[in-house]
Amino acid sequence: MSFLLRNLLRQAAQKIASDPVVRDKAAKVARATAKEAGNIARNEDPSRAAGRAFKRALNRFSGN
């Protein structure tokens, strides 16, 4: 199982590295993820903040 996952991650990394448009999108997602992680860490109730962040991510993926 780990071999399959490793190959998938390697292929994704190669695609990101080779395509400038995908590279820019990946950088934008990484920045947003880091910002969200900082918000969760600074919140007085981190588990609730993490749940809300997860719900926002699910809504973004589902298109709502």
C-alpha atoms as a PDB file:
ATOM      1  CA  MET A   1       0.000   0.000   0.000  1.00  0.00           C
ATOM      2  CA  SER A   2       2.756   2.444   0.866  1.00  0.00           C
ATOM      3  CA  PHE A   3       4.426   1.732  -2.488  1.00  0.00           C
ATOM      4  CA  LEU A   4       1.272   2.773  -4.342  1.00  0.00           C
ATOM      5  CA  LEU A   5       0.876   5.909  -2.238  1.00  0.00           C
ATOM      6  CA  ARG A   6       4.527   6.805  -2.722  1.00  0.00           C
ATOM      7  CA  ASN A   7       4.201   6.481  -6.498  1.00  0.00           C
ATOM      8  CA  LEU A   8       1.053   8.620  -6.553  1.00  0.00           C
ATOM      9  CA  LEU A   9       2.753  11.336  -4.517  1.00  0.00           C
ATOM     10  CA  ARG A  10       5.843  11.215  -6.724  1.00  0.00           C
ATOM     11  CA  GLN A  11       3.761  11.571  -9.888  1.00  0.00           C
ATOM     12  CA  ALA A  12       1.828  14.482  -8.389  1.00  0.00           C
ATOM     13  CA  ALA A  13       5.074  16.197  -7.385  1.00  0.00           C
ATOM     14  CA  GLN A  14       6.495  15.736 -10.884  1.00  0.00           C
ATOM     15  CA  LYS A  15       3.372  17.234 -12.469  1.00  0.00           C
ATOM     16  CA  ILE A  16       3.456  20.180 -10.074  1.00  0.00           C
ATOM     17  CA  ALA A  17       7.141  20.792 -10.761  1.00  0.00           C
ATOM     18  CA  SER A  18       6.801  20.616 -14.532  1.00  0.00           C
ATOM     19  CA  ASP A  19       3.685  22.769 -15.090  1.00  0.00           C
ATOM     20  CA  PRO A  20       3.906  26.479 -14.110  1.00  0.00           C
ATOM     21  CA  VAL A  21       0.123  26.877 -13.838  1.00  0.00           C
ATOM     22  CA  VAL A  22      -0.216  23.883 -11.518  1.00  0.00           C
ATOM     23  CA  ARG A  23       2.835  25.079  -9.569  1.00  0.00           C
ATOM     24  CA  ASP A  24       1.162  28.453  -8.932  1.00  0.00           C
ATOM     25  CA  LYS A  25      -2.064  26.761  -7.816  1.00  0.00           C
ATOM     26  CA  ALA A  26      -0.121  24.452  -5.483  1.00  0.00           C
ATOM     27  CA  ALA A  27       1.681  27.431  -3.950  1.00  0.00           C
ATOM     28  CA  LYS A  28      -1.636  29.223  -3.410  1.00  0.00           C
ATOM     29  CA  VAL A  29      -3.143  26.157  -1.738  1.00  0.00           C
ATOM     30  CA  ALA A  30      -0.068  25.745   0.469  1.00  0.00           C
ATOM     31  CA  ARG A  31      -0.288  29.370   1.616  1.00  0.00           C
ATOM     32  CA  ALA A  32      -4.001  29.056   2.389  1.00  0.00           C
ATOM     33  CA  THR A  33      -3.387  25.823   4.294  1.00  0.00           C
ATOM     34  CA  ALA A  34      -0.610  27.415   6.354  1.00  0.00           C
ATOM     35  CA  LYS A  35      -2.829  30.396   7.143  1.00  0.00           C
ATOM     36  CA  GLU A  36      -5.674  28.107   8.222  1.00  0.00           C
ATOM     37  CA  ALA A  37      -3.288  26.071  10.399  1.00  0.00           C
ATOM     38  CA  GLY A  38      -2.170  29.278  12.097  1.00  0.00           C
ATOM     39  CA  ASN A  39      -5.775  30.252  12.747  1.00  0.00           C
ATOM     40  CA  ILE A  40      -6.442  26.845  14.295  1.00  0.00           C
ATOM     41  CA  ALA A  41      -3.341  27.085  16.489  1.00  0.00           C
ATOM     42  CA  ARG A  42      -4.239  30.558  17.758  1.00  0.00           C
ATOM     43  CA  ASN A  43      -7.864  29.707  18.513  1.00  0.00           C
ATOM     44  CA  GLU A  44      -8.828  29.085  22.140  1.00  0.00           C
ATOM     45  CA  ASP A  45     -10.674  25.897  21.090  1.00  0.00           C
ATOM     46  CA  PRO A  46      -8.442  24.306  18.428  1.00  0.00           C
ATOM     47  CA  SER A  47     -10.580  21.209  17.906  1.00  0.00           C
ATOM     48  CA  ARG A  48     -13.643  23.309  17.109  1.00  0.00           C
ATOM     49  CA  ALA A  49     -11.608  25.533  14.786  1.00  0.00           C
ATOM     50  CA  ALA A  50     -10.235  22.452  13.018  1.00  0.00           C
ATOM     51  CA  GLY A  51     -13.738  21.101  12.543  1.00  0.00           C
ATOM     52  CA  ARG A  52     -14.920  24.379  11.066  1.00  0.00           C
ATOM     53  CA  ALA A  53     -11.913  24.522   8.748  1.00  0.00           C
ATOM     54  CA  PHE A  54     -12.621  20.982   7.603  1.00  0.00           C
ATOM     55  CA  LYS A  55     -16.251  21.854   6.920  1.00  0.00           C
ATOM     56  CA  ARG A  56     -15.188  24.906   4.866  1.00  0.00           C
ATOM     57  CA  ALA A  57     -12.819  22.692   2.853  1.00  0.00           C
ATOM     58  CA  LEU A  58     -15.561  20.150   2.191  1.00  0.00           C
ATOM     59  CA  ASN A  59     -17.905  22.908   1.053  1.00  0.00           C
ATOM     60  CA  ARG A  60     -15.251  24.258  -1.319  1.00  0.00           C
ATOM     61  CA  PHE A  61     -14.712  20.818  -2.850  1.00  0.00           C
ATOM     62  CA  SER A  62     -18.412  20.111  -3.238  1.00  0.00           C
ATOM     63  CA  GLY A  63     -19.029  23.501  -4.853  1.00  0.00           C
ATOM     64  CA  ASN A  64     -21.375  24.950  -2.203  1.00  0.00           C
END
